[in-house]
Amino acid sequence: METMNIFLPEALKAFVEAQVAEGRYSSASDYIHELIRADQKRKTGERLEALLLEGLNSGEPIEVTEVFWHEKRRQLLERNRKINGA
């Protein structure tokens, strides 16, 4: 694992130490890890939302029925057979 030094103003340092003192985290490092993981999750959610909106705005809407999914599955299986030579 790599080491990274960060400099915090006294107020932020005290806040981080308070989080650890409350017992929510075992160390300042654990607290920072959790913040980074939460930010990664947030950014992934933002990206997913952007992709969903892009999909919704990508063309004329179609009705998605059981017949649609059956045909889509058939097409994907056929495409997979062609790619894999089966």
N, C-alpha and C. Protein backbone atom coordinates (compact mmCIF):
# COMPACT_ATOMS: atom_id res chain seq x y z
N MET A 1 0.85 -1.17 0.00
CA MET A 1 0.00 0.00 0.00
C MET A 1 0.90 1.24 0.00
N GLU A 2 0.49 2.21 -0.76
CA GLU A 2 1.24 3.45 -0.87
C GLU A 2 0.88 4.41 0.26
N THR A 3 1.79 5.33 0.55
CA THR A 3 1.57 6.36 1.55
C THR A 3 1.40 7.69 0.87
N MET A 4 0.48 8.49 1.41
CA MET A 4 0.25 9.83 0.87
C MET A 4 0.12 10.77 2.06
N ASN A 5 0.89 11.83 2.04
CA ASN A 5 0.79 12.83 3.10
C ASN A 5 -0.15 13.94 2.66
N ILE A 6 -1.00 14.37 3.57
CA ILE A 6 -1.88 15.49 3.27
C ILE A 6 -1.75 16.52 4.40
N PHE A 7 -1.96 17.75 4.06
CA PHE A 7 -1.89 18.84 5.03
C PHE A 7 -3.30 19.38 5.22
N LEU A 8 -3.72 19.46 6.48
CA LEU A 8 -5.05 19.94 6.81
C LEU A 8 -4.95 21.14 7.74
N PRO A 9 -5.85 22.09 7.56
CA PRO A 9 -5.94 23.15 8.55
C PRO A 9 -6.31 22.53 9.90
N GLU A 10 -5.98 23.20 10.98
CA GLU A 10 -6.23 22.65 12.32
C GLU A 10 -7.69 22.25 12.52
N ALA A 11 -8.62 23.04 12.01
CA ALA A 11 -10.04 22.73 12.20
C ALA A 11 -10.42 21.41 11.53
N LEU A 12 -9.91 21.17 10.33
CA LEU A 12 -10.21 19.91 9.65
C LEU A 12 -9.52 18.73 10.35
N LYS A 13 -8.32 18.94 10.80
CA LYS A 13 -7.59 17.90 11.52
C LYS A 13 -8.37 17.51 12.77
N ALA A 14 -8.86 18.51 13.49
CA ALA A 14 -9.64 18.25 14.70
C ALA A 14 -10.92 17.49 14.37
N PHE A 15 -11.54 17.84 13.26
CA PHE A 15 -12.76 17.14 12.85
C PHE A 15 -12.47 15.67 12.57
N VAL A 16 -11.42 15.41 11.82
CA VAL A 16 -11.05 14.02 11.50
C VAL A 16 -10.76 13.26 12.79
N GLU A 17 -10.01 13.86 13.67
CA GLU A 17 -9.69 13.20 14.94
C GLU A 17 -10.94 12.93 15.77
N ALA A 18 -11.91 13.84 15.70
CA ALA A 18 -13.17 13.64 16.43
C ALA A 18 -13.93 12.44 15.87
N GLN A 19 -13.90 12.25 14.54
CA GLN A 19 -14.56 11.09 13.95
C GLN A 19 -13.95 9.81 14.46
N VAL A 20 -12.65 9.80 14.58
CA VAL A 20 -11.94 8.62 15.08
C VAL A 20 -12.25 8.43 16.57
N ALA A 21 -12.24 9.52 17.34
CA ALA A 21 -12.50 9.44 18.78
C ALA A 21 -13.91 8.93 19.08
N GLU A 22 -14.85 9.23 18.21
CA GLU A 22 -16.23 8.76 18.41
C GLU A 22 -16.34 7.25 18.20
N GLY A 23 -15.29 6.64 17.67
CA GLY A 23 -15.28 5.20 17.48
C GLY A 23 -15.88 4.75 16.16
N ARG A 24 -16.22 5.70 15.32
CA ARG A 24 -16.79 5.33 14.02
C ARG A 24 -15.71 4.78 13.09
N TYR A 25 -14.48 5.18 13.30
CA TYR A 25 -13.36 4.76 12.47
C TYR A 25 -12.21 4.41 13.39
N SER A 26 -11.38 3.46 12.95
CA SER A 26 -10.26 3.04 13.79
C SER A 26 -9.05 3.95 13.66
N SER A 27 -9.03 4.75 12.58
CA SER A 27 -7.90 5.67 12.38
C SER A 27 -8.31 6.76 11.41
N ALA A 28 -7.49 7.79 11.35
CA ALA A 28 -7.72 8.87 10.38
C ALA A 28 -7.67 8.29 8.96
N SER A 29 -6.79 7.34 8.75
CA SER A 29 -6.66 6.71 7.45
C SER A 29 -7.96 6.01 7.05
N ASP A 30 -8.58 5.30 8.00
CA ASP A 30 -9.86 4.63 7.71
C ASP A 30 -10.93 5.66 7.33
N TYR A 31 -10.94 6.78 8.04
CA TYR A 31 -11.91 7.82 7.74
C TYR A 31 -11.71 8.37 6.33
N ILE A 32 -10.47 8.65 5.97
CA ILE A 32 -10.16 9.16 4.63
C ILE A 32 -10.52 8.12 3.57
N HIS A 33 -10.22 6.86 3.83
CA HIS A 33 -10.60 5.78 2.89
C HIS A 33 -12.10 5.80 2.63
N GLU A 34 -12.87 5.92 3.73
CA GLU A 34 -14.33 5.92 3.59
C GLU A 34 -14.80 7.13 2.79
N LEU A 35 -14.20 8.28 3.01
CA LEU A 35 -14.57 9.47 2.23
C LEU A 35 -14.29 9.26 0.75
N ILE A 36 -13.16 8.67 0.45
CA ILE A 36 -12.80 8.44 -0.96
C ILE A 36 -13.74 7.42 -1.59
N ARG A 37 -14.04 6.34 -0.86
CA ARG A 37 -14.97 5.34 -1.39
C ARG A 37 -16.35 5.96 -1.64
N ALA A 38 -16.80 6.80 -0.73
CA ALA A 38 -18.11 7.46 -0.90
C ALA A 38 -18.08 8.37 -2.13
N ASP A 39 -16.98 9.06 -2.34
CA ASP A 39 -16.87 9.94 -3.51
C ASP A 39 -16.86 9.13 -4.80
N GLN A 40 -16.15 8.00 -4.79
CA GLN A 40 -16.14 7.12 -5.96
C GLN A 40 -17.55 6.62 -6.26
N LYS A 41 -18.27 6.22 -5.22
CA LYS A 41 -19.64 5.73 -5.40
C LYS A 41 -20.52 6.84 -5.96
N ARG A 42 -20.38 8.04 -5.44
CA ARG A 42 -21.17 9.17 -5.92
C ARG A 42 -20.89 9.45 -7.39
N LYS A 43 -19.61 9.44 -7.76
CA LYS A 43 -19.25 9.71 -9.15
C LYS A 43 -19.74 8.60 -10.08
N THR A 44 -19.70 7.36 -9.61
CA THR A 44 -20.23 6.25 -10.40
C THR A 44 -21.73 6.43 -10.60
N GLY A 45 -22.42 6.84 -9.54
CA GLY A 45 -23.86 7.10 -9.64
C GLY A 45 -24.16 8.23 -10.61
N GLU A 46 -23.36 9.28 -10.58
CA GLU A 46 -23.55 10.39 -11.52
C GLU A 46 -23.35 9.92 -12.95
N ARG A 47 -22.34 9.10 -13.17
CA ARG A 47 -22.06 8.57 -14.51
C ARG A 47 -23.21 7.68 -14.98
N LEU A 48 -23.69 6.83 -14.09
CA LEU A 48 -24.80 5.96 -14.44
C LEU A 48 -26.04 6.79 -14.78
N GLU A 49 -26.31 7.81 -13.99
CA GLU A 49 -27.47 8.67 -14.26
C GLU A 49 -27.32 9.36 -15.62
N ALA A 50 -26.11 9.83 -15.93
CA ALA A 50 -25.87 10.47 -17.23
C ALA A 50 -26.10 9.48 -18.38
N LEU A 51 -25.63 8.25 -18.21
CA LEU A 51 -25.84 7.23 -19.25
C LEU A 51 -27.31 6.89 -19.41
N LEU A 52 -28.03 6.80 -18.29
CA LEU A 52 -29.46 6.52 -18.38
C LEU A 52 -30.20 7.64 -19.09
N LEU A 53 -29.86 8.88 -18.76
CA LEU A 53 -30.49 10.01 -19.45
C LEU A 53 -30.14 10.02 -20.93
N GLU A 54 -28.90 9.70 -21.24
CA GLU A 54 -28.48 9.61 -22.64
C GLU A 54 -29.31 8.56 -23.36
N GLY A 55 -29.51 7.42 -22.71
CA GLY A 55 -30.32 6.37 -23.31
C GLY A 55 -31.76 6.79 -23.51
N LEU A 56 -32.31 7.46 -22.51
CA LEU A 56 -33.69 7.91 -22.61
C LEU A 56 -33.88 8.92 -23.74
N ASN A 57 -32.85 9.71 -24.00
CA ASN A 57 -32.93 10.74 -25.03
C ASN A 57 -32.33 10.32 -26.36
N SER A 58 -32.08 9.02 -26.53
CA SER A 58 -31.33 8.56 -27.70
C SER A 58 -32.17 8.28 -28.93
N GLY A 59 -33.44 8.37 -28.83
CA GLY A 59 -34.25 8.09 -30.01
C GLY A 59 -35.70 7.93 -29.66
N GLU A 60 -36.42 7.45 -30.64
CA GLU A 60 -37.84 7.23 -30.45
C GLU A 60 -38.07 6.13 -29.42
N PRO A 61 -38.99 6.34 -28.51
CA PRO A 61 -39.27 5.29 -27.52
C PRO A 61 -39.92 4.08 -28.18
N ILE A 62 -39.65 2.92 -27.60
CA ILE A 62 -40.29 1.70 -28.08
C ILE A 62 -40.96 1.03 -26.90
N GLU A 63 -41.99 0.27 -27.18
CA GLU A 63 -42.66 -0.47 -26.12
C GLU A 63 -41.85 -1.73 -25.82
N VAL A 64 -41.50 -1.90 -24.57
CA VAL A 64 -40.72 -3.06 -24.17
C VAL A 64 -41.68 -4.06 -23.54
N THR A 65 -41.89 -5.15 -24.28
CA THR A 65 -42.82 -6.18 -23.84
C THR A 65 -42.07 -7.50 -23.70
N GLU A 66 -42.78 -8.51 -23.30
CA GLU A 66 -42.18 -9.85 -23.21
C GLU A 66 -41.71 -10.31 -24.59
N VAL A 67 -42.47 -9.99 -25.62
CA VAL A 67 -42.09 -10.34 -26.99
C VAL A 67 -40.79 -9.62 -27.37
N PHE A 68 -40.68 -8.35 -27.01
CA PHE A 68 -39.44 -7.61 -27.28
C PHE A 68 -38.24 -8.32 -26.66
N TRP A 69 -38.35 -8.67 -25.34
CA TRP A 69 -37.23 -9.32 -24.66
C TRP A 69 -36.91 -10.68 -25.26
N HIS A 70 -37.91 -11.42 -25.67
CA HIS A 70 -37.68 -12.72 -26.30
C HIS A 70 -36.89 -12.53 -27.60
N GLU A 71 -37.30 -11.57 -28.42
CA GLU A 71 -36.61 -11.31 -29.69
C GLU A 71 -35.20 -10.78 -29.45
N LYS A 72 -35.05 -9.89 -28.47
CA LYS A 72 -33.72 -9.34 -28.14
C LYS A 72 -32.78 -10.45 -27.71
N ARG A 73 -33.27 -11.36 -26.87
CA ARG A 73 -32.45 -12.48 -26.41
C ARG A 73 -32.05 -13.36 -27.59
N ARG A 74 -33.00 -13.64 -28.49
CA ARG A 74 -32.71 -14.46 -29.67
C ARG A 74 -31.62 -13.80 -30.51
N GLN A 75 -31.73 -12.48 -30.72
CA GLN A 75 -30.73 -11.76 -31.52
C GLN A 75 -29.35 -11.80 -30.86
N LEU A 76 -29.32 -11.62 -29.55
CA LEU A 76 -28.03 -11.64 -28.84
C LEU A 76 -27.39 -13.02 -28.87
N LEU A 77 -28.20 -14.06 -28.69
CA LEU A 77 -27.66 -15.42 -28.77
C LEU A 77 -27.12 -15.71 -30.15
N GLU A 78 -27.83 -15.27 -31.18
CA GLU A 78 -27.37 -15.47 -32.56
C GLU A 78 -26.06 -14.73 -32.80
N ARG A 79 -25.99 -13.50 -32.34
CA ARG A 79 -24.76 -12.71 -32.50
C ARG A 79 -23.60 -13.37 -31.77
N ASN A 80 -23.87 -13.91 -30.58
CA ASN A 80 -22.85 -14.59 -29.81
C ASN A 80 -22.37 -15.84 -30.53
N ARG A 81 -23.28 -16.58 -31.13
CA ARG A 81 -22.89 -17.78 -31.89
C ARG A 81 -21.98 -17.42 -33.06
N LYS A 82 -22.30 -16.32 -33.75
CA LYS A 82 -21.47 -15.90 -34.89
C LYS A 82 -20.09 -15.47 -34.43
N ILE A 83 -20.02 -14.74 -33.33
CA ILE A 83 -18.73 -14.26 -32.81
C ILE A 83 -17.86 -15.41 -32.35
N ASN A 84 -18.47 -16.38 -31.67
CA ASN A 84 -17.71 -17.48 -31.10
C ASN A 84 -17.61 -18.68 -32.03
N GLY A 85 -18.19 -18.57 -33.22
CA GLY A 85 -18.08 -19.64 -34.19
C GLY A 85 -18.79 -20.92 -33.82
N ALA A 86 -19.77 -20.80 -32.97
CA ALA A 86 -20.48 -22.01 -32.54
C ALA A 86 -21.65 -22.30 -33.45
